[in-house]
Full PDB file with SEQRES, HELIX, SHEET, SSBOND, CRYST1, ORIGX, SCALE, CONECT and MASTER records, all heavy atoms in Angstrom:
SEQRES   1 A   41  ASP LEU GLU HIS VAL ILE ALA ASP LEU VAL TRP SER ASP          
SEQRES   2 A   41  LEU THR LEU CYS GLU LYS ASP ILE THR VAL ALA TYR LYS          
SEQRES   3 A   41  LYS LEU VAL LYS ALA PHE CYS ARG GLN TYR LYS VAL LYS          
SEQRES   4 A   41  ALA PRO                                                      
HELIX    1 AA1 LEU A    2  VAL A   10  1                                   9    
HELIX    2 AA2 GLU A   18  TYR A   36  1                                  19    
CRYST1    1.000    1.000    1.000  90.00  90.00  90.00 P 1           1          
ORIGX1      1.000000  0.000000  0.000000        0.00000                         
ORIGX2      0.000000  1.000000  0.000000        0.00000                         
ORIGX3      0.000000  0.000000  1.000000        0.00000                         
SCALE1      1.000000  0.000000  0.000000        0.00000                         
SCALE2      0.000000  1.000000  0.000000        0.00000                         
SCALE3      0.000000  0.000000  1.000000        0.00000                         
ATOM      1  N   ASP A   1       6.566  -1.656  -8.853  1.00  0.00           N  
ATOM      2  CA  ASP A   1       7.068  -2.788  -8.073  1.00  0.00           C  
ATOM      3  C   ASP A   1       6.465  -2.760  -6.673  1.00  0.00           C  
ATOM      4  O   ASP A   1       5.823  -1.793  -6.263  1.00  0.00           O  
ATOM      5  CB  ASP A   1       8.598  -2.803  -8.026  1.00  0.00           C  
ATOM      6  CG  ASP A   1       9.192  -1.536  -7.422  1.00  0.00           C  
ATOM      7  OD1 ASP A   1       8.508  -0.893  -6.600  1.00  0.00           O  
ATOM      8  OD2 ASP A   1      10.332  -1.190  -7.762  1.00  0.00           O  
ATOM      9  N   LEU A   2       6.688  -3.844  -5.936  1.00  0.00           N  
ATOM     10  CA  LEU A   2       6.063  -4.016  -4.625  1.00  0.00           C  
ATOM     11  C   LEU A   2       6.436  -2.884  -3.674  1.00  0.00           C  
ATOM     12  O   LEU A   2       5.583  -2.371  -2.936  1.00  0.00           O  
ATOM     13  CB  LEU A   2       6.465  -5.362  -4.035  1.00  0.00           C  
ATOM     14  CG  LEU A   2       5.823  -5.750  -2.703  1.00  0.00           C  
ATOM     15  CD1 LEU A   2       4.310  -5.849  -2.841  1.00  0.00           C  
ATOM     16  CD2 LEU A   2       6.384  -7.078  -2.198  1.00  0.00           C  
ATOM     17  N   GLU A   3       7.703  -2.492  -3.675  1.00  0.00           N  
ATOM     18  CA  GLU A   3       8.177  -1.443  -2.774  1.00  0.00           C  
ATOM     19  C   GLU A   3       7.419  -0.134  -2.994  1.00  0.00           C  
ATOM     20  O   GLU A   3       6.994   0.525  -2.045  1.00  0.00           O  
ATOM     21  CB  GLU A   3       9.675  -1.224  -2.985  1.00  0.00           C  
ATOM     22  CG  GLU A   3      10.289  -0.217  -2.035  1.00  0.00           C  
ATOM     23  CD  GLU A   3      11.788  -0.056  -2.238  1.00  0.00           C  
ATOM     24  OE1 GLU A   3      12.379  -0.825  -3.013  1.00  0.00           O  
ATOM     25  OE2 GLU A   3      12.361   0.861  -1.617  1.00  0.00           O  
ATOM     26  N   HIS A   4       7.217   0.239  -4.263  1.00  0.00           N  
ATOM     27  CA  HIS A   4       6.508   1.489  -4.562  1.00  0.00           C  
ATOM     28  C   HIS A   4       5.023   1.383  -4.216  1.00  0.00           C  
ATOM     29  O   HIS A   4       4.415   2.349  -3.744  1.00  0.00           O  
ATOM     30  CB  HIS A   4       6.679   1.849  -6.041  1.00  0.00           C  
ATOM     31  CG  HIS A   4       8.012   2.415  -6.372  1.00  0.00           C  
ATOM     32  ND1 HIS A   4       9.080   1.632  -6.749  1.00  0.00           N  
ATOM     33  CD2 HIS A   4       8.471   3.696  -6.363  1.00  0.00           C  
ATOM     34  CE1 HIS A   4      10.126   2.393  -6.971  1.00  0.00           C  
ATOM     35  NE2 HIS A   4       9.800   3.650  -6.734  1.00  0.00           N  
ATOM     36  N   VAL A   5       4.436   0.214  -4.449  1.00  0.00           N  
ATOM     37  CA  VAL A   5       3.023   0.015  -4.126  1.00  0.00           C  
ATOM     38  C   VAL A   5       2.793   0.164  -2.625  1.00  0.00           C  
ATOM     39  O   VAL A   5       1.853   0.831  -2.187  1.00  0.00           O  
ATOM     40  CB  VAL A   5       2.535  -1.369  -4.606  1.00  0.00           C  
ATOM     41  CG1 VAL A   5       1.131  -1.665  -4.066  1.00  0.00           C  
ATOM     42  CG2 VAL A   5       2.519  -1.433  -6.120  1.00  0.00           C  
ATOM     43  N   ILE A   6       3.669  -0.456  -1.821  1.00  0.00           N  
ATOM     44  CA  ILE A   6       3.554  -0.363  -0.367  1.00  0.00           C  
ATOM     45  C   ILE A   6       3.643   1.086   0.094  1.00  0.00           C  
ATOM     46  O   ILE A   6       2.831   1.551   0.901  1.00  0.00           O  
ATOM     47  CB  ILE A   6       4.645  -1.213   0.318  1.00  0.00           C  
ATOM     48  CG1 ILE A   6       4.414  -2.700   0.049  1.00  0.00           C  
ATOM     49  CG2 ILE A   6       4.663  -0.951   1.831  1.00  0.00           C  
ATOM     50  CD1 ILE A   6       5.557  -3.594   0.489  1.00  0.00           C  
ATOM     51  N   ALA A   7       4.642   1.796  -0.421  1.00  0.00           N  
ATOM     52  CA  ALA A   7       4.832   3.206  -0.040  1.00  0.00           C  
ATOM     53  C   ALA A   7       3.615   4.049  -0.409  1.00  0.00           C  
ATOM     54  O   ALA A   7       3.147   4.873   0.395  1.00  0.00           O  
ATOM     55  CB  ALA A   7       6.082   3.757  -0.714  1.00  0.00           C  
ATOM     56  N   ASP A   8       3.090   3.836  -1.606  1.00  0.00           N  
ATOM     57  CA  ASP A   8       1.913   4.608  -2.051  1.00  0.00           C  
ATOM     58  C   ASP A   8       0.703   4.330  -1.162  1.00  0.00           C  
ATOM     59  O   ASP A   8      -0.057   5.253  -0.828  1.00  0.00           O  
ATOM     60  CB  ASP A   8       1.574   4.264  -3.507  1.00  0.00           C  
ATOM     61  CG  ASP A   8       2.570   4.847  -4.496  1.00  0.00           C  
ATOM     62  OD1 ASP A   8       3.337   5.751  -4.098  1.00  0.00           O  
ATOM     63  OD2 ASP A   8       2.579   4.401  -5.659  1.00  0.00           O  
ATOM     64  N   LEU A   9       0.522   3.084  -0.763  1.00  0.00           N  
ATOM     65  CA  LEU A   9      -0.636   2.729   0.060  1.00  0.00           C  
ATOM     66  C   LEU A   9      -0.500   3.265   1.483  1.00  0.00           C  
ATOM     67  O   LEU A   9      -1.478   3.753   2.065  1.00  0.00           O  
ATOM     68  CB  LEU A   9      -0.809   1.206   0.092  1.00  0.00           C  
ATOM     69  CG  LEU A   9      -1.259   0.558  -1.224  1.00  0.00           C  
ATOM     70  CD1 LEU A   9      -1.230  -0.966  -1.117  1.00  0.00           C  
ATOM     71  CD2 LEU A   9      -2.664   1.025  -1.609  1.00  0.00           C  
ATOM     72  N   VAL A  10       0.710   3.185   2.034  1.00  0.00           N  
ATOM     73  CA  VAL A  10       0.930   3.679   3.405  1.00  0.00           C  
ATOM     74  C   VAL A  10       0.669   5.179   3.489  1.00  0.00           C  
ATOM     75  O   VAL A  10       0.122   5.666   4.480  1.00  0.00           O  
ATOM     76  CB  VAL A  10       2.368   3.354   3.873  1.00  0.00           C  
ATOM     77  CG1 VAL A  10       2.707   4.119   5.146  1.00  0.00           C  
ATOM     78  CG2 VAL A  10       2.517   1.863   4.106  1.00  0.00           C  
ATOM     79  N   TRP A  11       1.047   5.909   2.442  1.00  0.00           N  
ATOM     80  CA  TRP A  11       0.894   7.367   2.450  1.00  0.00           C  
ATOM     81  C   TRP A  11      -0.351   7.823   1.696  1.00  0.00           C  
ATOM     82  O   TRP A  11      -0.457   8.976   1.294  1.00  0.00           O  
ATOM     83  CB  TRP A  11       2.140   8.037   1.883  1.00  0.00           C  
ATOM     84  CG  TRP A  11       3.329   7.794   2.755  1.00  0.00           C  
ATOM     85  CD1 TRP A  11       4.353   6.929   2.538  1.00  0.00           C  
ATOM     86  CD2 TRP A  11       3.591   8.405   4.030  1.00  0.00           C  
ATOM     87  NE1 TRP A  11       5.236   6.942   3.583  1.00  0.00           N  
ATOM     88  CE2 TRP A  11       4.809   7.850   4.513  1.00  0.00           C  
ATOM     89  CE3 TRP A  11       2.932   9.373   4.802  1.00  0.00           C  
ATOM     90  CZ2 TRP A  11       5.354   8.217   5.736  1.00  0.00           C  
ATOM     91  CZ3 TRP A  11       3.478   9.732   6.019  1.00  0.00           C  
ATOM     92  CH2 TRP A  11       4.677   9.164   6.467  1.00  0.00           C  
ATOM     93  N   SER A  12      -1.307   6.915   1.525  1.00  0.00           N  
ATOM     94  CA  SER A  12      -2.568   7.271   0.880  1.00  0.00           C  
ATOM     95  C   SER A  12      -3.575   7.725   1.936  1.00  0.00           C  
ATOM     96  O   SER A  12      -3.224   7.907   3.106  1.00  0.00           O  
ATOM     97  CB  SER A  12      -3.120   6.062   0.115  1.00  0.00           C  
ATOM     98  OG  SER A  12      -3.533   5.053   1.033  1.00  0.00           O  
ATOM     99  N   ASP A  13      -4.832   7.864   1.530  1.00  0.00           N  
ATOM    100  CA  ASP A  13      -5.877   8.240   2.484  1.00  0.00           C  
ATOM    101  C   ASP A  13      -6.857   7.085   2.709  1.00  0.00           C  
ATOM    102  O   ASP A  13      -8.006   7.294   3.106  1.00  0.00           O  
ATOM    103  CB  ASP A  13      -6.629   9.492   2.014  1.00  0.00           C  
ATOM    104  CG  ASP A  13      -7.254   9.315   0.634  1.00  0.00           C  
ATOM    105  OD1 ASP A  13      -7.036   8.236   0.013  1.00  0.00           O  
ATOM    106  OD2 ASP A  13      -7.952  10.234   0.169  1.00  0.00           O  
ATOM    107  N   LEU A  14      -6.398   5.861   2.464  1.00  0.00           N  
ATOM    108  CA  LEU A  14      -7.250   4.686   2.653  1.00  0.00           C  
ATOM    109  C   LEU A  14      -7.610   4.496   4.127  1.00  0.00           C  
ATOM    110  O   LEU A  14      -6.830   4.819   5.014  1.00  0.00           O  
ATOM    111  CB  LEU A  14      -6.547   3.431   2.139  1.00  0.00           C  
ATOM    112  CG  LEU A  14      -6.315   3.336   0.625  1.00  0.00           C  
ATOM    113  CD1 LEU A  14      -5.455   2.128   0.309  1.00  0.00           C  
ATOM    114  CD2 LEU A  14      -7.635   3.260  -0.123  1.00  0.00           C  
ATOM    115  N   THR A  15      -8.780   3.955   4.365  1.00  0.00           N  
ATOM    116  CA  THR A  15      -9.241   3.689   5.726  1.00  0.00           C  
ATOM    117  C   THR A  15      -9.444   2.170   5.907  1.00  0.00           C  
ATOM    118  O   THR A  15      -9.328   1.403   4.955  1.00  0.00           O  
ATOM    119  CB  THR A  15     -10.572   4.402   6.013  1.00  0.00           C  
ATOM    120  OG1 THR A  15     -11.602   3.845   5.175  1.00  0.00           O  
ATOM    121  CG2 THR A  15     -10.451   5.901   5.736  1.00  0.00           C  
ATOM    122  N   LEU A  16      -9.779   1.767   7.122  1.00  0.00           N  
ATOM    123  CA  LEU A  16      -9.993   0.348   7.402  1.00  0.00           C  
ATOM    124  C   LEU A  16     -11.453  -0.049   7.199  1.00  0.00           C  
ATOM    125  O   LEU A  16     -12.082  -0.673   8.055  1.00  0.00           O  
ATOM    126  CB  LEU A  16      -9.550   0.013   8.827  1.00  0.00           C  
ATOM    127  CG  LEU A  16      -8.058   0.192   9.129  1.00  0.00           C  
ATOM    128  CD1 LEU A  16      -7.745  -0.287  10.537  1.00  0.00           C  
ATOM    129  CD2 LEU A  16      -7.204  -0.559   8.114  1.00  0.00           C  
ATOM    130  N   CYS A  17     -11.984   0.289   6.044  1.00  0.00           N  
ATOM    131  CA  CYS A  17     -13.309  -0.197   5.668  1.00  0.00           C  
ATOM    132  C   CYS A  17     -13.106  -1.255   4.582  1.00  0.00           C  
ATOM    133  O   CYS A  17     -12.063  -1.284   3.921  1.00  0.00           O  
ATOM    134  CB  CYS A  17     -14.204   0.942   5.161  1.00  0.00           C  
ATOM    135  SG  CYS A  17     -13.691   1.647   3.577  1.00  0.00           S  
ATOM    136  N   GLU A  18     -14.068  -2.114   4.401  1.00  0.00           N  
ATOM    137  CA  GLU A  18     -13.910  -3.226   3.469  1.00  0.00           C  
ATOM    138  C   GLU A  18     -13.628  -2.741   2.045  1.00  0.00           C  
ATOM    139  O   GLU A  18     -12.815  -3.340   1.324  1.00  0.00           O  
ATOM    140  CB  GLU A  18     -15.153  -4.116   3.488  1.00  0.00           C  
ATOM    141  CG  GLU A  18     -15.316  -4.902   4.783  1.00  0.00           C  
ATOM    142  CD  GLU A  18     -16.443  -5.916   4.719  1.00  0.00           C  
ATOM    143  OE1 GLU A  18     -17.010  -6.116   3.610  1.00  0.00           O  
ATOM    144  OE2 GLU A  18     -16.769  -6.511   5.762  1.00  0.00           O  
ATOM    145  N   LYS A  19     -14.267  -1.674   1.637  1.00  0.00           N  
ATOM    146  CA  LYS A  19     -14.063  -1.154   0.281  1.00  0.00           C  
ATOM    147  C   LYS A  19     -12.621  -0.710   0.073  1.00  0.00           C  
ATOM    148  O   LYS A  19     -11.980  -1.065  -0.930  1.00  0.00           O  
ATOM    149  CB  LYS A  19     -15.009   0.026   0.035  1.00  0.00           C  
ATOM    150  CG  LYS A  19     -14.883   0.629  -1.360  1.00  0.00           C  
ATOM    151  CD  LYS A  19     -15.849   1.784  -1.541  1.00  0.00           C  
ATOM    152  CE  LYS A  19     -15.682   2.424  -2.922  1.00  0.00           C  
ATOM    153  NZ  LYS A  19     -16.602   3.589  -3.106  1.00  0.00           N  
ATOM    154  N   ASP A  20     -12.069   0.049   1.016  1.00  0.00           N  
ATOM    155  CA  ASP A  20     -10.693   0.544   0.889  1.00  0.00           C  
ATOM    156  C   ASP A  20      -9.673  -0.587   1.028  1.00  0.00           C  
ATOM    157  O   ASP A  20      -8.643  -0.593   0.344  1.00  0.00           O  
ATOM    158  CB  ASP A  20     -10.417   1.620   1.941  1.00  0.00           C  
ATOM    159  CG  ASP A  20     -11.006   2.969   1.548  1.00  0.00           C  
ATOM    160  OD1 ASP A  20     -11.646   3.042   0.481  1.00  0.00           O  
ATOM    161  OD2 ASP A  20     -10.830   3.940   2.303  1.00  0.00           O  
ATOM    162  N   ILE A  21      -9.951  -1.531   1.922  1.00  0.00           N  
ATOM    163  CA  ILE A  21      -9.042  -2.674   2.088  1.00  0.00           C  
ATOM    164  C   ILE A  21      -8.990  -3.487   0.792  1.00  0.00           C  
ATOM    165  O   ILE A  21      -7.924  -3.956   0.386  1.00  0.00           O  
ATOM    166  CB  ILE A  21      -9.487  -3.558   3.265  1.00  0.00           C  
ATOM    167  CG1 ILE A  21      -9.311  -2.810   4.584  1.00  0.00           C  
ATOM    168  CG2 ILE A  21      -8.679  -4.859   3.300  1.00  0.00           C  
ATOM    169  CD1 ILE A  21      -9.883  -3.533   5.789  1.00  0.00           C  
ATOM    170  N   THR A  22     -10.132  -3.630   0.140  1.00  0.00           N  
ATOM    171  CA  THR A  22     -10.182  -4.351  -1.132  1.00  0.00           C  
ATOM    172  C   THR A  22      -9.348  -3.650  -2.194  1.00  0.00           C  
ATOM    173  O   THR A  22      -8.612  -4.291  -2.958  1.00  0.00           O  
ATOM    174  CB  THR A  22     -11.639  -4.489  -1.622  1.00  0.00           C  
ATOM    175  OG1 THR A  22     -12.405  -5.190  -0.633  1.00  0.00           O  
ATOM    176  CG2 THR A  22     -11.702  -5.245  -2.943  1.00  0.00           C  
ATOM    177  N   VAL A  23      -9.426  -2.322  -2.228  1.00  0.00           N  
ATOM    178  CA  VAL A  23      -8.626  -1.532  -3.179  1.00  0.00           C  
ATOM    179  C   VAL A  23      -7.134  -1.747  -2.904  1.00  0.00           C  
ATOM    180  O   VAL A  23      -6.342  -1.991  -3.823  1.00  0.00           O  
ATOM    181  CB  VAL A  23      -8.979  -0.031  -3.074  1.00  0.00           C  
ATOM    182  CG1 VAL A  23      -7.973   0.815  -3.857  1.00  0.00           C  
ATOM    183  CG2 VAL A  23     -10.392   0.217  -3.588  1.00  0.00           C  
ATOM    184  N   ALA A  24      -6.762  -1.650  -1.631  1.00  0.00           N  
ATOM    185  CA  ALA A  24      -5.357  -1.824  -1.245  1.00  0.00           C  
ATOM    186  C   ALA A  24      -4.884  -3.232  -1.588  1.00  0.00           C  
ATOM    187  O   ALA A  24      -3.775  -3.422  -2.110  1.00  0.00           O  
ATOM    188  CB  ALA A  24      -5.184  -1.557   0.249  1.00  0.00           C  
ATOM    189  N   TYR A  25      -5.717  -4.220  -1.302  1.00  0.00           N  
ATOM    190  CA  TYR A  25      -5.345  -5.617  -1.550  1.00  0.00           C  
ATOM    191  C   TYR A  25      -5.113  -5.870  -3.036  1.00  0.00           C  
ATOM    192  O   TYR A  25      -4.139  -6.533  -3.417  1.00  0.00           O  
ATOM    193  CB  TYR A  25      -6.425  -6.550  -1.022  1.00  0.00           C  
ATOM    194  CG  TYR A  25      -6.101  -8.012  -1.244  1.00  0.00           C  
ATOM    195  CD1 TYR A  25      -5.153  -8.662  -0.456  1.00  0.00           C  
ATOM    196  CD2 TYR A  25      -6.723  -8.743  -2.268  1.00  0.00           C  
ATOM    197  CE1 TYR A  25      -4.839 -10.001  -0.663  1.00  0.00           C  
ATOM    198  CE2 TYR A  25      -6.421 -10.073  -2.479  1.00  0.00           C  
ATOM    199  CZ  TYR A  25      -5.476 -10.695  -1.679  1.00  0.00           C  
ATOM    200  OH  TYR A  25      -5.160 -12.009  -1.897  1.00  0.00           O  
ATOM    201  N   LYS A  26      -5.986  -5.368  -3.877  1.00  0.00           N  
ATOM    202  CA  LYS A  26      -5.858  -5.584  -5.322  1.00  0.00           C  
ATOM    203  C   LYS A  26      -4.541  -5.026  -5.853  1.00  0.00           C  
ATOM    204  O   LYS A  26      -3.862  -5.655  -6.675  1.00  0.00           O  
ATOM    205  CB  LYS A  26      -7.040  -4.952  -6.062  1.00  0.00           C  
ATOM    206  CG  LYS A  26      -8.338  -5.733  -5.916  1.00  0.00           C  
ATOM    207  CD  LYS A  26      -9.474  -5.076  -6.689  1.00  0.00           C  
ATOM    208  CE  LYS A  26     -10.752  -5.895  -6.583  1.00  0.00           C  
ATOM    209  NZ  LYS A  26     -11.875  -5.251  -7.318  1.00  0.00           N  
ATOM    210  N   LYS A  27      -4.166  -3.848  -5.375  1.00  0.00           N  
ATOM    211  CA  LYS A  27      -2.911  -3.238  -5.818  1.00  0.00           C  
ATOM    212  C   LYS A  27      -1.712  -4.016  -5.283  1.00  0.00           C  
ATOM    213  O   LYS A  27      -0.742  -4.273  -6.003  1.00  0.00           O  
ATOM    214  CB  LYS A  27      -2.837  -1.780  -5.348  1.00  0.00           C  
ATOM    215  CG  LYS A  27      -3.835  -0.858  -6.024  1.00  0.00           C  
ATOM    216  CD  LYS A  27      -3.706   0.567  -5.514  1.00  0.00           C  
ATOM    217  CE  LYS A  27      -4.680   1.490  -6.226  1.00  0.00           C  
ATOM    218  NZ  LYS A  27      -4.584   2.900  -5.728  1.00  0.00           N  
ATOM    219  N   LEU A  28      -1.800  -4.392  -4.015  1.00  0.00           N  
ATOM    220  CA  LEU A  28      -0.685  -5.083  -3.373  1.00  0.00           C  
ATOM    221  C   LEU A  28      -0.493  -6.487  -3.936  1.00  0.00           C  
ATOM    222  O   LEU A  28       0.634  -6.892  -4.255  1.00  0.00           O  
ATOM    223  CB  LEU A  28      -0.931  -5.157  -1.864  1.00  0.00           C  
ATOM    224  CG  LEU A  28       0.253  -5.565  -0.981  1.00  0.00           C  
ATOM    225  CD1 LEU A  28       1.350  -4.520  -1.041  1.00  0.00           C  
ATOM    226  CD2 LEU A  28      -0.206  -5.749   0.457  1.00  0.00           C  
ATOM    227  N   VAL A  29      -1.580  -7.227  -4.074  1.00  0.00           N  
ATOM    228  CA  VAL A  29      -1.478  -8.617  -4.525  1.00  0.00           C  
ATOM    229  C   VAL A  29      -1.011  -8.686  -5.976  1.00  0.00           C  
ATOM    230  O   VAL A  29      -0.299  -9.623  -6.374  1.00  0.00           O  
ATOM    231  CB  VAL A  29      -2.823  -9.352  -4.336  1.00  0.00           C  
ATOM    232  CG1 VAL A  29      -3.832  -8.977  -5.419  1.00  0.00           C  
ATOM    233  CG2 VAL A  29      -2.611 -10.864  -4.317  1.00  0.00           C  
ATOM    234  N   LYS A  30      -1.373  -7.704  -6.774  1.00  0.00           N  
ATOM    235  CA  LYS A  30      -0.933  -7.684  -8.174  1.00  0.00           C  
ATOM    236  C   LYS A  30       0.586  -7.562  -8.254  1.00  0.00           C  
ATOM    237  O   LYS A  30       1.244  -8.307  -8.990  1.00  0.00           O  
ATOM    238  CB  LYS A  30      -1.602  -6.521  -8.913  1.00  0.00           C  
ATOM    239  CG  LYS A  30      -1.299  -6.486 -10.397  1.00  0.00           C  
ATOM    240  CD  LYS A  30      -2.059  -5.350 -11.073  1.00  0.00           C  
ATOM    241  CE  LYS A  30      -1.755  -5.313 -12.571  1.00  0.00           C  
ATOM    242  NZ  LYS A  30      -2.491  -4.202 -13.242  1.00  0.00           N  
ATOM    243  N   ALA A  31       1.148  -6.628  -7.482  1.00  0.00           N  
ATOM    244  CA  ALA A  31       2.605  -6.435  -7.482  1.00  0.00           C  
ATOM    245  C   ALA A  31       3.314  -7.621  -6.843  1.00  0.00           C  
ATOM    246  O   ALA A  31       4.362  -8.070  -7.327  1.00  0.00           O  
ATOM    247  CB  ALA A  31       2.952  -5.142  -6.745  1.00  0.00           C  
ATOM    248  N   PHE A  32       2.743  -8.133  -5.755  1.00  0.00           N  
ATOM    249  CA  PHE A  32       3.358  -9.264  -5.039  1.00  0.00           C  
ATOM    250  C   PHE A  32       3.407 -10.509  -5.921  1.00  0.00           C  
ATOM    251  O   PHE A  32       4.457 -11.166  -6.032  1.00  0.00           O  
ATOM    252  CB  PHE A  32       2.573  -9.556  -3.762  1.00  0.00           C  
ATOM    253  CG  PHE A  32       3.139 -10.670  -2.934  1.00  0.00           C  
ATOM    254  CD1 PHE A  32       4.064 -10.409  -1.934  1.00  0.00           C  
ATOM    255  CD2 PHE A  32       2.754 -11.991  -3.154  1.00  0.00           C  
ATOM    256  CE1 PHE A  32       4.603 -11.441  -1.171  1.00  0.00           C  
ATOM    257  CE2 PHE A  32       3.284 -13.028  -2.395  1.00  0.00           C  
ATOM    258  CZ  PHE A  32       4.211 -12.744  -1.406  1.00  0.00           C  
ATOM    259  N   CYS A  33       2.297 -10.842  -6.527  1.00  0.00           N  
ATOM    260  CA  CYS A  33       2.228 -12.064  -7.340  1.00  0.00           C  
ATOM    261  C   CYS A  33       3.080 -11.957  -8.603  1.00  0.00           C  
ATOM    262  O   CYS A  33       3.640 -12.951  -9.056  1.00  0.00           O  
ATOM    263  CB  CYS A  33       0.774 -12.365  -7.698  1.00  0.00           C  
ATOM    264  SG  CYS A  33      -0.238 -12.822  -6.272  1.00  0.00           S  
ATOM    265  N   ARG A  34       3.180 -10.763  -9.153  1.00  0.00           N  
ATOM    266  CA  ARG A  34       4.047 -10.563 -10.325  1.00  0.00           C  
ATOM    267  C   ARG A  34       5.508 -10.753  -9.932  1.00  0.00           C  
ATOM    268  O   ARG A  34       6.284 -11.365 -10.666  1.00  0.00           O  
ATOM    269  CB  ARG A  34       3.826  -9.168 -10.907  1.00  0.00           C  
ATOM    270  CG  ARG A  34       4.643  -8.895 -12.167  1.00  0.00           C  
ATOM    271  CD  ARG A  34       4.248  -7.593 -12.832  1.00  0.00           C  
ATOM    272  NE  ARG A  34       4.419  -6.456 -11.970  1.00  0.00           N  
ATOM    273  CZ  ARG A  34       3.440  -5.665 -11.544  1.00  0.00           C  
ATOM    274  NH1 ARG A  34       2.195  -5.906 -11.894  1.00  0.00           N  
ATOM    275  NH2 ARG A  34       3.680  -4.639 -10.746  1.00  0.00           N  
ATOM    276  N   GLN A  35       5.876 -10.240  -8.754  1.00  0.00           N  
ATOM    277  CA  GLN A  35       7.271 -10.311  -8.316  1.00  0.00           C  
ATOM    278  C   GLN A  35       7.681 -11.719  -7.891  1.00  0.00           C  
ATOM    279  O   GLN A  35       8.803 -12.149  -8.176  1.00  0.00           O  
ATOM    280  CB  GLN A  35       7.496  -9.338  -7.159  1.00  0.00           C  
ATOM    281  CG  GLN A  35       8.936  -9.283  -6.660  1.00  0.00           C  
ATOM    282  CD  GLN A  35       9.177  -8.073  -5.776  1.00  0.00           C  
ATOM    283  OE1 GLN A  35       8.646  -6.987  -6.022  1.00  0.00           O  
ATOM    284  NE2 GLN A  35       9.993  -8.241  -4.746  1.00  0.00           N  
ATOM    285  N   TYR A  36       6.773 -12.445  -7.220  1.00  0.00           N  
ATOM    286  CA  TYR A  36       7.142 -13.748  -6.659  1.00  0.00           C  
ATOM    287  C   TYR A  36       6.545 -14.942  -7.403  1.00  0.00           C  
ATOM    288  O   TYR A  36       6.721 -16.082  -6.972  1.00  0.00           O  
ATOM    289  CB  TYR A  36       6.762 -13.800  -5.179  1.00  0.00           C  
ATOM    290  CG  TYR A  36       7.563 -12.841  -4.354  1.00  0.00           C  
ATOM    291  CD1 TYR A  36       6.994 -11.659  -3.865  1.00  0.00           C  
ATOM    292  CD2 TYR A  36       8.905 -13.081  -4.080  1.00  0.00           C  
ATOM    293  CE1 TYR A  36       7.746 -10.760  -3.113  1.00  0.00           C  
ATOM    294  CE2 TYR A  36       9.658 -12.189  -3.333  1.00  0.00           C  
ATOM    295  CZ  TYR A  36       9.072 -11.028  -2.858  1.00  0.00           C  
ATOM    296  OH  TYR A  36       9.810 -10.127  -2.116  1.00  0.00           O  
ATOM    297  N   LYS A  37       5.835 -14.662  -8.480  1.00  0.00           N  
ATOM    298  CA  LYS A  37       5.305 -15.726  -9.350  1.00  0.00           C  
ATOM    299  C   LYS A  37       4.404 -16.699  -8.582  1.00  0.00           C  
ATOM    300  O   LYS A  37       4.557 -17.923  -8.637  1.00  0.00           O  
ATOM    301  CB  LYS A  37       6.461 -16.516  -9.995  1.00  0.00           C  
ATOM    302  CG  LYS A  37       7.463 -15.661 -10.740  1.00  0.00           C  
ATOM    303  CD  LYS A  37       6.843 -15.022 -11.971  1.00  0.00           C  
ATOM    304  CE  LYS A  37       7.878 -14.304 -12.834  1.00  0.00           C  
ATOM    305  NZ  LYS A  37       8.511 -13.142 -12.207  1.00  0.00           N  
ATOM    306  N   VAL A  38       3.461 -16.144  -7.853  1.00  0.00           N  
ATOM    307  CA  VAL A  38       2.489 -16.968  -7.130  1.00  0.00           C  
ATOM    308  C   VAL A  38       1.073 -16.599  -7.571  1.00  0.00           C  
ATOM    309  O   VAL A  38       0.830 -15.507  -8.099  1.00  0.00           O  
ATOM    310  CB  VAL A  38       2.612 -16.796  -5.595  1.00  0.00           C  
ATOM    311  CG1 VAL A  38       3.951 -17.286  -5.104  1.00  0.00           C  
ATOM    312  CG2 VAL A  38       2.377 -15.347  -5.194  1.00  0.00           C  
ATOM    313  N   LYS A  39       0.159 -17.500  -7.339  1.00  0.00           N  
ATOM    314  CA  LYS A  39      -1.240 -17.286  -7.673  1.00  0.00           C  
ATOM    315  C   LYS A  39      -1.891 -16.389  -6.620  1.00  0.00           C  
ATOM    316  O   LYS A  39      -1.611 -16.527  -5.423  1.00  0.00           O  
ATOM    317  CB  LYS A  39      -1.962 -18.640  -7.734  1.00  0.00           C  
ATOM    318  CG  LYS A  39      -3.449 -18.555  -8.031  1.00  0.00           C  
ATOM    319  CD  LYS A  39      -4.064 -19.947  -7.960  1.00  0.00           C  
ATOM    320  CE  LYS A  39      -5.575 -19.879  -8.117  1.00  0.00           C  
ATOM    321  NZ  LYS A  39      -6.183 -21.229  -7.957  1.00  0.00           N  
ATOM    322  N   ALA A  40      -2.747 -15.482  -7.051  1.00  0.00           N  
ATOM    323  CA  ALA A  40      -3.391 -14.543  -6.128  1.00  0.00           C  
ATOM    324  C   ALA A  40      -4.515 -15.212  -5.346  1.00  0.00           C  
ATOM    325  O   ALA A  40      -5.442 -15.761  -5.936  1.00  0.00           O  
ATOM    326  CB  ALA A  40      -3.946 -13.352  -6.902  1.00  0.00           C  
ATOM    327  N   PRO A  41      -4.432 -15.177  -3.999  1.00  0.00           N  
ATOM    328  CA  PRO A  41      -5.533 -15.730  -3.182  1.00  0.00           C  
ATOM    329  C   PRO A  41      -6.748 -14.798  -3.222  1.00  0.00           C  
ATOM    330  O   PRO A  41      -6.613 -13.589  -3.399  1.00  0.00           O  
ATOM    331  CB  PRO A  41      -4.936 -15.772  -1.769  1.00  0.00           C  
ATOM    332  CG  PRO A  41      -3.478 -15.476  -1.924  1.00  0.00           C  
ATOM    333  CD  PRO A  41      -3.328 -14.683  -3.171  1.00  0.00           C  
TER     334      PRO A  41                                                      
MASTER        0    0    0    2    0    0    0    6  333    1    0    4          
END                                                                             
């Protein structure tokens, strides 16, 4: 769920590079869109 995804990403070793942001976004948007029934931007 979204709450667990957020926690995992905050306590991960991701950095602010485009590659890592893309990884974080894919995980976050998947949980968000599943929970709120919206299309992924």
